Protein backbone atom coordinates (compact mmCIF):
# COMPACT_ATOMS: atom_id res chain seq x y z
CA UNK A 1 0.00 0.00 0.00
CA UNK A 2 2.81 2.41 0.78
CA UNK A 3 4.32 1.96 -2.68
CA UNK A 4 1.01 2.80 -4.32
CA UNK A 5 0.54 5.88 -2.15
CA UNK A 6 4.05 7.06 -2.98
CA UNK A 7 3.46 6.63 -6.69
CA UNK A 8 0.14 8.50 -6.52
CA UNK A 9 1.73 11.39 -4.60
CA UNK A 10 4.60 11.55 -7.07
CA UNK A 11 2.31 11.53 -10.12
CA UNK A 12 -0.01 14.21 -8.70
CA UNK A 13 3.01 16.32 -7.83
CA UNK A 14 4.46 15.92 -11.32
CA UNK A 15 1.14 16.95 -12.87
CA UNK A 16 0.98 20.04 -10.67
CA UNK A 17 4.62 20.95 -11.28
CA UNK A 18 4.94 20.31 -15.01
CA UNK A 19 1.58 19.85 -16.73
CA UNK A 20 -0.65 22.60 -15.38
CA UNK A 21 -0.36 26.15 -16.64
CA UNK A 22 -2.81 27.42 -14.05
CA UNK A 23 -2.03 30.49 -11.99
CA UNK A 24 -3.59 30.99 -8.57
CA UNK A 25 -2.77 34.09 -6.55
CA UNK A 26 -2.84 32.58 -3.07
CA UNK A 27 -0.81 29.39 -3.76
CA UNK A 28 2.12 28.41 -5.92
CA UNK A 29 1.00 25.16 -7.57
CA UNK A 30 4.46 24.44 -8.93
CA UNK A 31 5.93 24.46 -5.41
CA UNK A 32 3.10 22.25 -4.14
CA UNK A 33 3.87 19.84 -6.98
CA UNK A 34 7.54 19.66 -6.01
CA UNK A 35 6.60 19.09 -2.36
CA UNK A 36 4.24 16.26 -3.33
CA UNK A 37 6.91 14.70 -5.56
CA UNK A 38 9.41 14.78 -2.69
CA UNK A 39 6.86 13.28 -0.29
CA UNK A 40 6.05 10.57 -2.82
CA UNK A 41 9.73 9.71 -3.23
CA UNK A 42 10.15 9.46 0.56
CA UNK A 43 7.09 7.20 0.87
CA UNK A 44 8.34 4.95 -1.94
CA UNK A 45 11.78 4.61 -0.33
CA UNK A 46 10.26 3.85 3.08
CA UNK A 47 7.92 1.31 1.50
CA UNK A 48 10.83 -0.48 -0.17
CA UNK A 49 12.80 -0.53 3.09
CA UNK A 50 9.83 -1.94 5.00
CA UNK A 51 9.24 -4.61 2.35
CA UNK A 52 12.89 -5.64 2.49
CA UNK A 53 12.81 -5.91 6.28
CA UNK A 54 9.60 -7.94 6.24
CA UNK A 55 11.06 -10.55 3.90
CA UNK A 56 14.00 -11.42 6.15
CA UNK A 57 13.73 -14.93 7.46
CA UNK A 58 15.75 -17.27 9.60
CA UNK A 59 16.10 -20.90 8.57
CA UNK A 60 17.50 -23.54 10.92
CA UNK A 61 18.20 -27.15 10.04
CA UNK A 62 19.01 -29.71 12.74
CA UNK A 63 19.93 -33.33 12.24
CA UNK A 64 19.78 -35.76 15.18
CA UNK A 65 19.85 -39.50 15.62
CA UNK A 66 16.72 -41.16 16.99
CA UNK A 67 17.88 -43.30 19.94
CA UNK A 68 15.08 -45.86 19.51
CA UNK A 69 15.61 -46.71 15.85
CA UNK A 70 19.06 -45.26 15.09
CA UNK A 71 17.64 -43.28 12.16
CA UNK A 72 18.70 -39.75 11.36
CA UNK A 73 15.96 -37.19 11.88
CA UNK A 74 16.18 -33.79 10.21
CA UNK A 75 14.07 -30.94 11.53
CA UNK A 76 13.70 -27.73 9.53
CA UNK A 77 12.47 -24.54 11.18
CA UNK A 78 11.66 -21.35 9.36
CA UNK A 79 10.65 -18.17 11.12
CA UNK A 80 10.30 -14.51 10.31
CA UNK A 81 11.61 -11.91 12.75
CA UNK A 82 8.12 -10.65 13.59
CA UNK A 83 6.79 -14.18 14.25
CA UNK A 84 7.11 -15.66 17.73
CA UNK A 85 6.37 -19.23 16.65
CA UNK A 86 8.50 -21.49 14.51
CA UNK A 87 7.07 -23.51 11.69
PDB file of N, CA and C in Angstrom:
ATOM      1  N   UNK A   1       0.818  -1.184   0.000  1.00  0.00           N
ATOM      2  CA  UNK A   1       0.000   0.000   0.000  1.00  0.00           C
ATOM      3  C   UNK A   1       0.866   1.253   0.000  1.00  0.00           C
ATOM      4  N   UNK A   2       1.979   1.217   0.702  1.00  0.00           N
ATOM      5  CA  UNK A   2       2.809   2.413   0.775  1.00  0.00           C
ATOM      6  C   UNK A   2       3.456   2.730  -0.575  1.00  0.00           C
ATOM      7  N   UNK A   3       3.761   1.694  -1.350  1.00  0.00           N
ATOM      8  CA  UNK A   3       4.321   1.959  -2.676  1.00  0.00           C
ATOM      9  C   UNK A   3       3.289   2.648  -3.571  1.00  0.00           C
ATOM     10  N   UNK A   4       2.060   2.188  -3.511  1.00  0.00           N
ATOM     11  CA  UNK A   4       1.009   2.802  -4.319  1.00  0.00           C
ATOM     12  C   UNK A   4       0.753   4.247  -3.918  1.00  0.00           C
ATOM     13  N   UNK A   5       0.728   4.508  -2.625  1.00  0.00           N
ATOM     14  CA  UNK A   5       0.538   5.878  -2.147  1.00  0.00           C
ATOM     15  C   UNK A   5       1.680   6.770  -2.606  1.00  0.00           C
ATOM     16  N   UNK A   6       2.903   6.271  -2.537  1.00  0.00           N
ATOM     17  CA  UNK A   6       4.048   7.060  -2.980  1.00  0.00           C
ATOM     18  C   UNK A   6       3.989   7.378  -4.456  1.00  0.00           C
ATOM     19  N   UNK A   7       3.573   6.407  -5.248  1.00  0.00           N
ATOM     20  CA  UNK A   7       3.462   6.632  -6.695  1.00  0.00           C
ATOM     21  C   UNK A   7       2.372   7.649  -6.994  1.00  0.00           C
ATOM     22  N   UNK A   8       1.245   7.541  -6.303  1.00  0.00           N
ATOM     23  CA  UNK A   8       0.143   8.496  -6.516  1.00  0.00           C
ATOM     24  C   UNK A   8       0.587   9.913  -6.140  1.00  0.00           C
ATOM     25  N   UNK A   9       1.245  10.062  -4.998  1.00  0.00           N
ATOM     26  CA  UNK A   9       1.726  11.392  -4.602  1.00  0.00           C
ATOM     27  C   UNK A   9       2.715  11.946  -5.624  1.00  0.00           C
ATOM     28  N   UNK A  10       3.606  11.105  -6.098  1.00  0.00           N
ATOM     29  CA  UNK A  10       4.601  11.553  -7.065  1.00  0.00           C
ATOM     30  C   UNK A  10       3.947  11.985  -8.381  1.00  0.00           C
ATOM     31  N   UNK A  11       2.973  11.207  -8.845  1.00  0.00           N
ATOM     32  CA  UNK A  11       2.306  11.533 -10.117  1.00  0.00           C
ATOM     33  C   UNK A  11       1.497  12.826  -9.992  1.00  0.00           C
ATOM     34  N   UNK A  12       0.758  12.971  -8.902  1.00  0.00           N
ATOM     35  CA  UNK A  12      -0.013  14.206  -8.703  1.00  0.00           C
ATOM     36  C   UNK A  12       0.920  15.407  -8.614  1.00  0.00           C
ATOM     37  N   UNK A  13       2.041  15.236  -7.920  1.00  0.00           N
ATOM     38  CA  UNK A  13       3.014  16.320  -7.831  1.00  0.00           C
ATOM     39  C   UNK A  13       3.610  16.675  -9.178  1.00  0.00           C
ATOM     40  N   UNK A  14       3.909  15.656  -9.993  1.00  0.00           N
ATOM     41  CA  UNK A  14       4.463  15.921 -11.325  1.00  0.00           C
ATOM     42  C   UNK A  14       3.448  16.638 -12.207  1.00  0.00           C
ATOM     43  N   UNK A  15       2.180  16.263 -12.093  1.00  0.00           N
ATOM     44  CA  UNK A  15       1.142  16.947 -12.869  1.00  0.00           C
ATOM     45  C   UNK A  15       1.051  18.404 -12.455  1.00  0.00           C
ATOM     46  N   UNK A  16       1.056  18.653 -11.142  1.00  0.00           N
ATOM     47  CA  UNK A  16       0.977  20.040 -10.668  1.00  0.00           C
ATOM     48  C   UNK A  16       2.212  20.845 -11.061  1.00  0.00           C
ATOM     49  N   UNK A  17       3.375  20.218 -11.020  1.00  0.00           N
ATOM     50  CA  UNK A  17       4.616  20.950 -11.284  1.00  0.00           C
ATOM     51  C   UNK A  17       4.869  21.183 -12.771  1.00  0.00           C
ATOM     52  N   UNK A  18       4.532  20.217 -13.608  1.00  0.00           N
ATOM     53  CA  UNK A  18       4.940  20.310 -15.008  1.00  0.00           C
ATOM     54  C   UNK A  18       3.803  20.446 -16.014  1.00  0.00           C
ATOM     55  N   UNK A  19       2.622  19.927 -15.715  1.00  0.00           N
ATOM     56  CA  UNK A  19       1.582  19.849 -16.734  1.00  0.00           C
ATOM     57  C   UNK A  19       0.569  20.985 -16.666  1.00  0.00           C
ATOM     58  N   UNK A  20       0.366  21.552 -15.509  1.00  0.00           N
ATOM     59  CA  UNK A  20      -0.646  22.595 -15.385  1.00  0.00           C
ATOM     60  C   UNK A  20      -0.045  23.968 -15.635  1.00  0.00           C
ATOM     61  N   UNK A  21      -0.749  24.756 -16.419  1.00  0.00           N
ATOM     62  CA  UNK A  21      -0.365  26.150 -16.640  1.00  0.00           C
ATOM     63  C   UNK A  21      -1.398  27.063 -15.988  1.00  0.00           C
ATOM     64  N   UNK A  22      -1.785  26.701 -14.779  1.00  0.00           N
ATOM     65  CA  UNK A  22      -2.814  27.418 -14.047  1.00  0.00           C
ATOM     66  C   UNK A  22      -2.149  28.313 -13.022  1.00  0.00           C
ATOM     67  N   UNK A  23      -2.606  29.544 -12.932  1.00  0.00           N
ATOM     68  CA  UNK A  23      -2.033  30.491 -11.986  1.00  0.00           C
ATOM     69  C   UNK A  23      -3.077  30.847 -10.931  1.00  0.00           C
ATOM     70  N   UNK A  24      -2.726  30.636  -9.687  1.00  0.00           N
ATOM     71  CA  UNK A  24      -3.592  30.987  -8.565  1.00  0.00           C
ATOM     72  C   UNK A  24      -2.818  31.972  -7.696  1.00  0.00           C
ATOM     73  N   UNK A  25      -3.480  33.045  -7.293  1.00  0.00           N
ATOM     74  CA  UNK A  25      -2.773  34.091  -6.553  1.00  0.00           C
ATOM     75  C   UNK A  25      -2.325  33.644  -5.169  1.00  0.00           C
ATOM     76  N   UNK A  26      -3.104  32.870  -4.478  1.00  0.00           N
ATOM     77  CA  UNK A  26      -2.838  32.579  -3.074  1.00  0.00           C
ATOM     78  C   UNK A  26      -1.997  31.330  -2.849  1.00  0.00           C
ATOM     79  N   UNK A  27      -1.640  30.578  -3.917  1.00  0.00           N
ATOM     80  CA  UNK A  27      -0.805  29.391  -3.755  1.00  0.00           C
ATOM     81  C   UNK A  27       0.024  29.173  -5.011  1.00  0.00           C
ATOM     82  N   UNK A  28       1.238  28.721  -4.813  1.00  0.00           N
ATOM     83  CA  UNK A  28       2.118  28.408  -5.925  1.00  0.00           C
ATOM     84  C   UNK A  28       1.988  26.906  -6.214  1.00  0.00           C
ATOM     85  N   UNK A  29       1.255  26.561  -7.258  1.00  0.00           N
ATOM     86  CA  UNK A  29       1.000  25.158  -7.570  1.00  0.00           C
ATOM     87  C   UNK A  29       2.255  24.408  -7.972  1.00  0.00           C
ATOM     88  N   UNK A  30       3.216  25.092  -8.560  1.00  0.00           N
ATOM     89  CA  UNK A  30       4.460  24.438  -8.934  1.00  0.00           C
ATOM     90  C   UNK A  30       5.223  23.991  -7.681  1.00  0.00           C
ATOM     91  N   UNK A  31       5.268  24.825  -6.663  1.00  0.00           N
ATOM     92  CA  UNK A  31       5.932  24.460  -5.414  1.00  0.00           C
ATOM     93  C   UNK A  31       5.201  23.317  -4.711  1.00  0.00           C
ATOM     94  N   UNK A  32       3.875  23.349  -4.724  1.00  0.00           N
ATOM     95  CA  UNK A  32       3.096  22.249  -4.141  1.00  0.00           C
ATOM     96  C   UNK A  32       3.390  20.951  -4.882  1.00  0.00           C
ATOM     97  N   UNK A  33       3.535  21.021  -6.188  1.00  0.00           N
ATOM     98  CA  UNK A  33       3.874  19.840  -6.979  1.00  0.00           C
ATOM     99  C   UNK A  33       5.225  19.265  -6.590  1.00  0.00           C
ATOM    100  N   UNK A  34       6.218  20.144  -6.426  1.00  0.00           N
ATOM    101  CA  UNK A  34       7.538  19.662  -6.010  1.00  0.00           C
ATOM    102  C   UNK A  34       7.502  19.049  -4.615  1.00  0.00           C
ATOM    103  N   UNK A  35       6.734  19.637  -3.720  1.00  0.00           N
ATOM    104  CA  UNK A  35       6.602  19.092  -2.362  1.00  0.00           C
ATOM    105  C   UNK A  35       5.941  17.719  -2.408  1.00  0.00           C
ATOM    106  N   UNK A  36       4.893  17.567  -3.208  1.00  0.00           N
ATOM    107  CA  UNK A  36       4.239  16.264  -3.329  1.00  0.00           C
ATOM    108  C   UNK A  36       5.157  15.224  -3.966  1.00  0.00           C
ATOM    109  N   UNK A  37       5.966  15.632  -4.942  1.00  0.00           N
ATOM    110  CA  UNK A  37       6.906  14.699  -5.555  1.00  0.00           C
ATOM    111  C   UNK A  37       7.954  14.236  -4.539  1.00  0.00           C
ATOM    112  N   UNK A  38       8.439  15.155  -3.714  1.00  0.00           N
ATOM    113  CA  UNK A  38       9.411  14.780  -2.687  1.00  0.00           C
ATOM    114  C   UNK A  38       8.777  13.845  -1.658  1.00  0.00           C
ATOM    115  N   UNK A  39       7.551  14.151  -1.248  1.00  0.00           N
ATOM    116  CA  UNK A  39       6.862  13.285  -0.290  1.00  0.00           C
ATOM    117  C   UNK A  39       6.616  11.909  -0.890  1.00  0.00           C
ATOM    118  N   UNK A  40       6.251  11.850  -2.157  1.00  0.00           N
ATOM    119  CA  UNK A  40       6.045  10.572  -2.825  1.00  0.00           C
ATOM    120  C   UNK A  40       7.329   9.755  -2.890  1.00  0.00           C
ATOM    121  N   UNK A  41       8.443  10.420  -3.175  1.00  0.00           N
ATOM    122  CA  UNK A  41       9.727   9.712  -3.230  1.00  0.00           C
ATOM    123  C   UNK A  41      10.098   9.151  -1.854  1.00  0.00           C
ATOM    124  N   UNK A  42       9.852   9.930  -0.797  1.00  0.00           N
ATOM    125  CA  UNK A  42      10.150   9.458   0.560  1.00  0.00           C
ATOM    126  C   UNK A  42       9.278   8.258   0.913  1.00  0.00           C
ATOM    127  N   UNK A  43       7.993   8.310   0.570  1.00  0.00           N
ATOM    128  CA  UNK A  43       7.086   7.200   0.874  1.00  0.00           C
ATOM    129  C   UNK A  43       7.488   5.949   0.098  1.00  0.00           C
ATOM    130  N   UNK A  44       7.895   6.097  -1.144  1.00  0.00           N
ATOM    131  CA  UNK A  44       8.340   4.950  -1.938  1.00  0.00           C
ATOM    132  C   UNK A  44       9.583   4.325  -1.325  1.00  0.00           C
ATOM    133  N   UNK A  45      10.547   5.137  -0.932  1.00  0.00           N
ATOM    134  CA  UNK A  45      11.778   4.614  -0.330  1.00  0.00           C
ATOM    135  C   UNK A  45      11.472   3.905   0.985  1.00  0.00           C
ATOM    136  N   UNK A  46      10.633   4.506   1.826  1.00  0.00           N
ATOM    137  CA  UNK A  46      10.258   3.854   3.081  1.00  0.00           C
ATOM    138  C   UNK A  46       9.510   2.543   2.832  1.00  0.00           C
ATOM    139  N   UNK A  47       8.651   2.524   1.833  1.00  0.00           N
ATOM    140  CA  UNK A  47       7.924   1.307   1.498  1.00  0.00           C
ATOM    141  C   UNK A  47       8.847   0.189   1.062  1.00  0.00           C
ATOM    142  N   UNK A  48       9.862   0.521   0.266  1.00  0.00           N
ATOM    143  CA  UNK A  48      10.825  -0.484  -0.175  1.00  0.00           C
ATOM    144  C   UNK A  48      11.636  -1.003   1.007  1.00  0.00           C
ATOM    145  N   UNK A  49      12.036  -0.111   1.900  1.00  0.00           N
ATOM    146  CA  UNK A  49      12.796  -0.534   3.087  1.00  0.00           C
ATOM    147  C   UNK A  49      11.955  -1.454   3.957  1.00  0.00           C
ATOM    148  N   UNK A  50      10.695  -1.106   4.173  1.00  0.00           N
ATOM    149  CA  UNK A  50       9.833  -1.944   5.000  1.00  0.00           C
ATOM    150  C   UNK A  50       9.561  -3.298   4.352  1.00  0.00           C
ATOM    151  N   UNK A  51       9.416  -3.334   3.039  1.00  0.00           N
ATOM    152  CA  UNK A  51       9.240  -4.615   2.352  1.00  0.00           C
ATOM    153  C   UNK A  51      10.482  -5.489   2.469  1.00  0.00           C
ATOM    154  N   UNK A  52      11.650  -4.877   2.377  1.00  0.00           N
ATOM    155  CA  UNK A  52      12.890  -5.638   2.485  1.00  0.00           C
ATOM    156  C   UNK A  52      13.065  -6.199   3.891  1.00  0.00           C
ATOM    157  N   UNK A  53      12.691  -5.431   4.900  1.00  0.00           N
ATOM    158  CA  UNK A  53      12.810  -5.910   6.280  1.00  0.00           C
ATOM    159  C   UNK A  53      11.823  -7.025   6.570  1.00  0.00           C
ATOM    160  N   UNK A  54      10.634  -6.946   5.989  1.00  0.00           N
ATOM    161  CA  UNK A  54       9.603  -7.943   6.239  1.00  0.00           C
ATOM    162  C   UNK A  54       9.968  -9.298   5.650  1.00  0.00           C
ATOM    163  N   UNK A  55      10.744  -9.301   4.585  1.00  0.00           N
ATOM    164  CA  UNK A  55      11.065 -10.550   3.899  1.00  0.00           C
ATOM    165  C   UNK A  55      12.252 -11.285   4.502  1.00  0.00           C
ATOM    166  N   UNK A  56      12.901 -10.699   5.493  1.00  0.00           N
ATOM    167  CA  UNK A  56      13.998 -11.415   6.147  1.00  0.00           C
ATOM    168  C   UNK A  56      13.454 -12.633   6.868  1.00  0.00           C
ATOM    169  N   UNK A  57      14.167 -13.721   6.779  1.00  0.00           N
ATOM    170  CA  UNK A  57      13.730 -14.932   7.463  1.00  0.00           C
ATOM    171  C   UNK A  57      14.952 -15.665   8.004  1.00  0.00           C
ATOM    172  N   UNK A  58      14.700 -16.475   8.992  1.00  0.00           N
ATOM    173  CA  UNK A  58      15.748 -17.273   9.599  1.00  0.00           C
ATOM    174  C   UNK A  58      15.406 -18.730   9.374  1.00  0.00           C
ATOM    175  N   UNK A  59      16.328 -19.482   8.815  1.00  0.00           N
ATOM    176  CA  UNK A  59      16.104 -20.904   8.567  1.00  0.00           C
ATOM    177  C   UNK A  59      17.122 -21.703   9.372  1.00  0.00           C
ATOM    178  N   UNK A  60      16.643 -22.698  10.102  1.00  0.00           N
ATOM    179  CA  UNK A  60      17.499 -23.544  10.917  1.00  0.00           C
ATOM    180  C   UNK A  60      17.252 -24.998  10.540  1.00  0.00           C
ATOM    181  N   UNK A  61      18.313 -25.730  10.356  1.00  0.00           N
ATOM    182  CA  UNK A  61      18.200 -27.153  10.042  1.00  0.00           C
ATOM    183  C   UNK A  61      19.007 -27.925  11.072  1.00  0.00           C
ATOM    184  N   UNK A  62      18.348 -28.906  11.730  1.00  0.00           N
ATOM    185  CA  UNK A  62      19.005 -29.715  12.743  1.00  0.00           C
ATOM    186  C   UNK A  62      18.865 -31.187  12.379  1.00  0.00           C
ATOM    187  N   UNK A  63      19.952 -31.902  12.487  1.00  0.00           N
ATOM    188  CA  UNK A  63      19.928 -33.334  12.240  1.00  0.00           C
ATOM    189  C   UNK A  63      20.327 -34.055  13.530  1.00  0.00           C
ATOM    190  N   UNK A  64      19.488 -34.978  13.975  1.00  0.00           N
ATOM    191  CA  UNK A  64      19.775 -35.759  15.178  1.00  0.00           C
ATOM    192  C   UNK A  64      19.562 -37.235  14.870  1.00  0.00           C
ATOM    193  N   UNK A  65      20.030 -38.061  15.759  1.00  0.00           N
ATOM    194  CA  UNK A  65      19.853 -39.504  15.618  1.00  0.00           C
ATOM    195  C   UNK A  65      18.802 -39.947  16.628  1.00  0.00           C
ATOM    196  N   UNK A  66      17.769 -40.644  16.122  1.00  0.00           N
ATOM    197  CA  UNK A  66      16.716 -41.161  16.991  1.00  0.00           C
ATOM    198  C   UNK A  66      17.283 -42.334  17.799  1.00  0.00           C
ATOM    199  N   UNK A  67      17.264 -42.239  19.139  1.00  0.00           N
ATOM    200  CA  UNK A  67      17.876 -43.299  19.940  1.00  0.00           C
ATOM    201  C   UNK A  67      17.140 -44.639  19.830  1.00  0.00           C
ATOM    202  N   UNK A  68      15.849 -44.613  19.549  1.00  0.00           N
ATOM    203  CA  UNK A  68      15.082 -45.860  19.507  1.00  0.00           C
ATOM    204  C   UNK A  68      15.383 -46.659  18.240  1.00  0.00           C
ATOM    205  N   UNK A  69      15.438 -45.988  17.118  1.00  0.00           N
ATOM    206  CA  UNK A  69      15.607 -46.711  15.854  1.00  0.00           C
ATOM    207  C   UNK A  69      16.992 -46.537  15.244  1.00  0.00           C
ATOM    208  N   UNK A  70      17.739 -45.527  15.663  1.00  0.00           N
ATOM    209  CA  UNK A  70      19.056 -45.261  15.089  1.00  0.00           C
ATOM    210  C   UNK A  70      18.991 -44.491  13.790  1.00  0.00           C
ATOM    211  N   UNK A  71      17.795 -44.033  13.404  1.00  0.00           N
ATOM    212  CA  UNK A  71      17.635 -43.279  12.163  1.00  0.00           C
ATOM    213  C   UNK A  71      17.996 -41.815  12.383  1.00  0.00           C
ATOM    214  N   UNK A  72      18.438 -41.189  11.311  1.00  0.00           N
ATOM    215  CA  UNK A  72      18.703 -39.749  11.359  1.00  0.00           C
ATOM    216  C   UNK A  72      17.398 -38.996  11.149  1.00  0.00           C
ATOM    217  N   UNK A  73      17.170 -38.006  11.969  1.00  0.00           N
ATOM    218  CA  UNK A  73      15.964 -37.191  11.882  1.00  0.00           C
ATOM    219  C   UNK A  73      16.397 -35.762  11.618  1.00  0.00           C
ATOM    220  N   UNK A  74      15.874 -35.169  10.548  1.00  0.00           N
ATOM    221  CA  UNK A  74      16.184 -33.786  10.207  1.00  0.00           C
ATOM    222  C   UNK A  74      14.965 -32.935  10.478  1.00  0.00           C
ATOM    223  N   UNK A  75      15.173 -31.856  11.206  1.00  0.00           N
ATOM    224  CA  UNK A  75      14.074 -30.943  11.535  1.00  0.00           C
ATOM    225  C   UNK A  75      14.410 -29.577  10.954  1.00  0.00           C
ATOM    226  N   UNK A  76      13.524 -29.050  10.143  1.00  0.00           N
ATOM    227  CA  UNK A  76      13.697 -27.732   9.532  1.00  0.00           C
ATOM    228  C   UNK A  76      12.747 -26.750  10.188  1.00  0.00           C
ATOM    229  N   UNK A  77      13.285 -25.604  10.602  1.00  0.00           N
ATOM    230  CA  UNK A  77      12.471 -24.542  11.182  1.00  0.00           C
ATOM    231  C   UNK A  77      12.676 -23.280  10.372  1.00  0.00           C
ATOM    232  N   UNK A  78      11.595 -22.614  10.056  1.00  0.00           N
ATOM    233  CA  UNK A  78      11.661 -21.349   9.358  1.00  0.00           C
ATOM    234  C   UNK A  78      10.822 -20.353  10.125  1.00  0.00           C
ATOM    235  N   UNK A  79      11.404 -19.191  10.401  1.00  0.00           N
ATOM    236  CA  UNK A  79      10.649 -18.170  11.118  1.00  0.00           C
ATOM    237  C   UNK A  79      11.020 -16.795  10.587  1.00  0.00           C
ATOM    238  N   UNK A  80      10.064 -15.890  10.664  1.00  0.00           N
ATOM    239  CA  UNK A  80      10.300 -14.507  10.312  1.00  0.00           C
ATOM    240  C   UNK A  80      10.571 -13.752  11.606  1.00  0.00           C
ATOM    241  N   UNK A  81      11.280 -12.647  11.534  1.00  0.00           N
ATOM    242  CA  UNK A  81      11.615 -11.909  12.754  1.00  0.00           C
ATOM    243  C   UNK A  81      10.401 -11.426  13.539  1.00  0.00           C
ATOM    244  N   UNK A  82       9.289 -11.144  12.875  1.00  0.00           N
ATOM    245  CA  UNK A  82       8.122 -10.650  13.593  1.00  0.00           C
ATOM    246  C   UNK A  82       7.247 -11.785  14.122  1.00  0.00           C
ATOM    247  N   UNK A  83       7.540 -13.040  13.738  1.00  0.00           N
ATOM    248  CA  UNK A  83       6.793 -14.176  14.255  1.00  0.00           C
ATOM    249  C   UNK A  83       7.416 -14.650  15.555  1.00  0.00           C
ATOM    250  N   UNK A  84       6.585 -15.121  16.472  1.00  0.00           N
ATOM    251  CA  UNK A  84       7.110 -15.662  17.726  1.00  0.00           C
ATOM    252  C   UNK A  84       7.114 -17.171  17.706  1.00  0.00           C
ATOM    253  N   UNK A  85       6.419 -17.765  16.734  1.00  0.00           N
ATOM    254  CA  UNK A  85       6.366 -19.227  16.652  1.00  0.00           C
ATOM    255  C   UNK A  85       7.181 -19.702  15.472  1.00  0.00           C
ATOM    256  N   UNK A  86       7.725 -20.884  15.588  1.00  0.00           N
ATOM    257  CA  UNK A  86       8.495 -21.488  14.509  1.00  0.00           C
ATOM    258  C   UNK A  86       7.619 -22.477  13.775  1.00  0.00           C
ATOM    259  N   UNK A  87       7.853 -22.578  12.503  1.00  0.00           N
ATOM    260  CA  UNK A  87       7.070 -23.505  11.687  1.00  0.00           C
ATOM    261  C   UNK A  87       7.838 -24.804  11.580  1.00  0.00           C
TER     262      UNK A  87
END
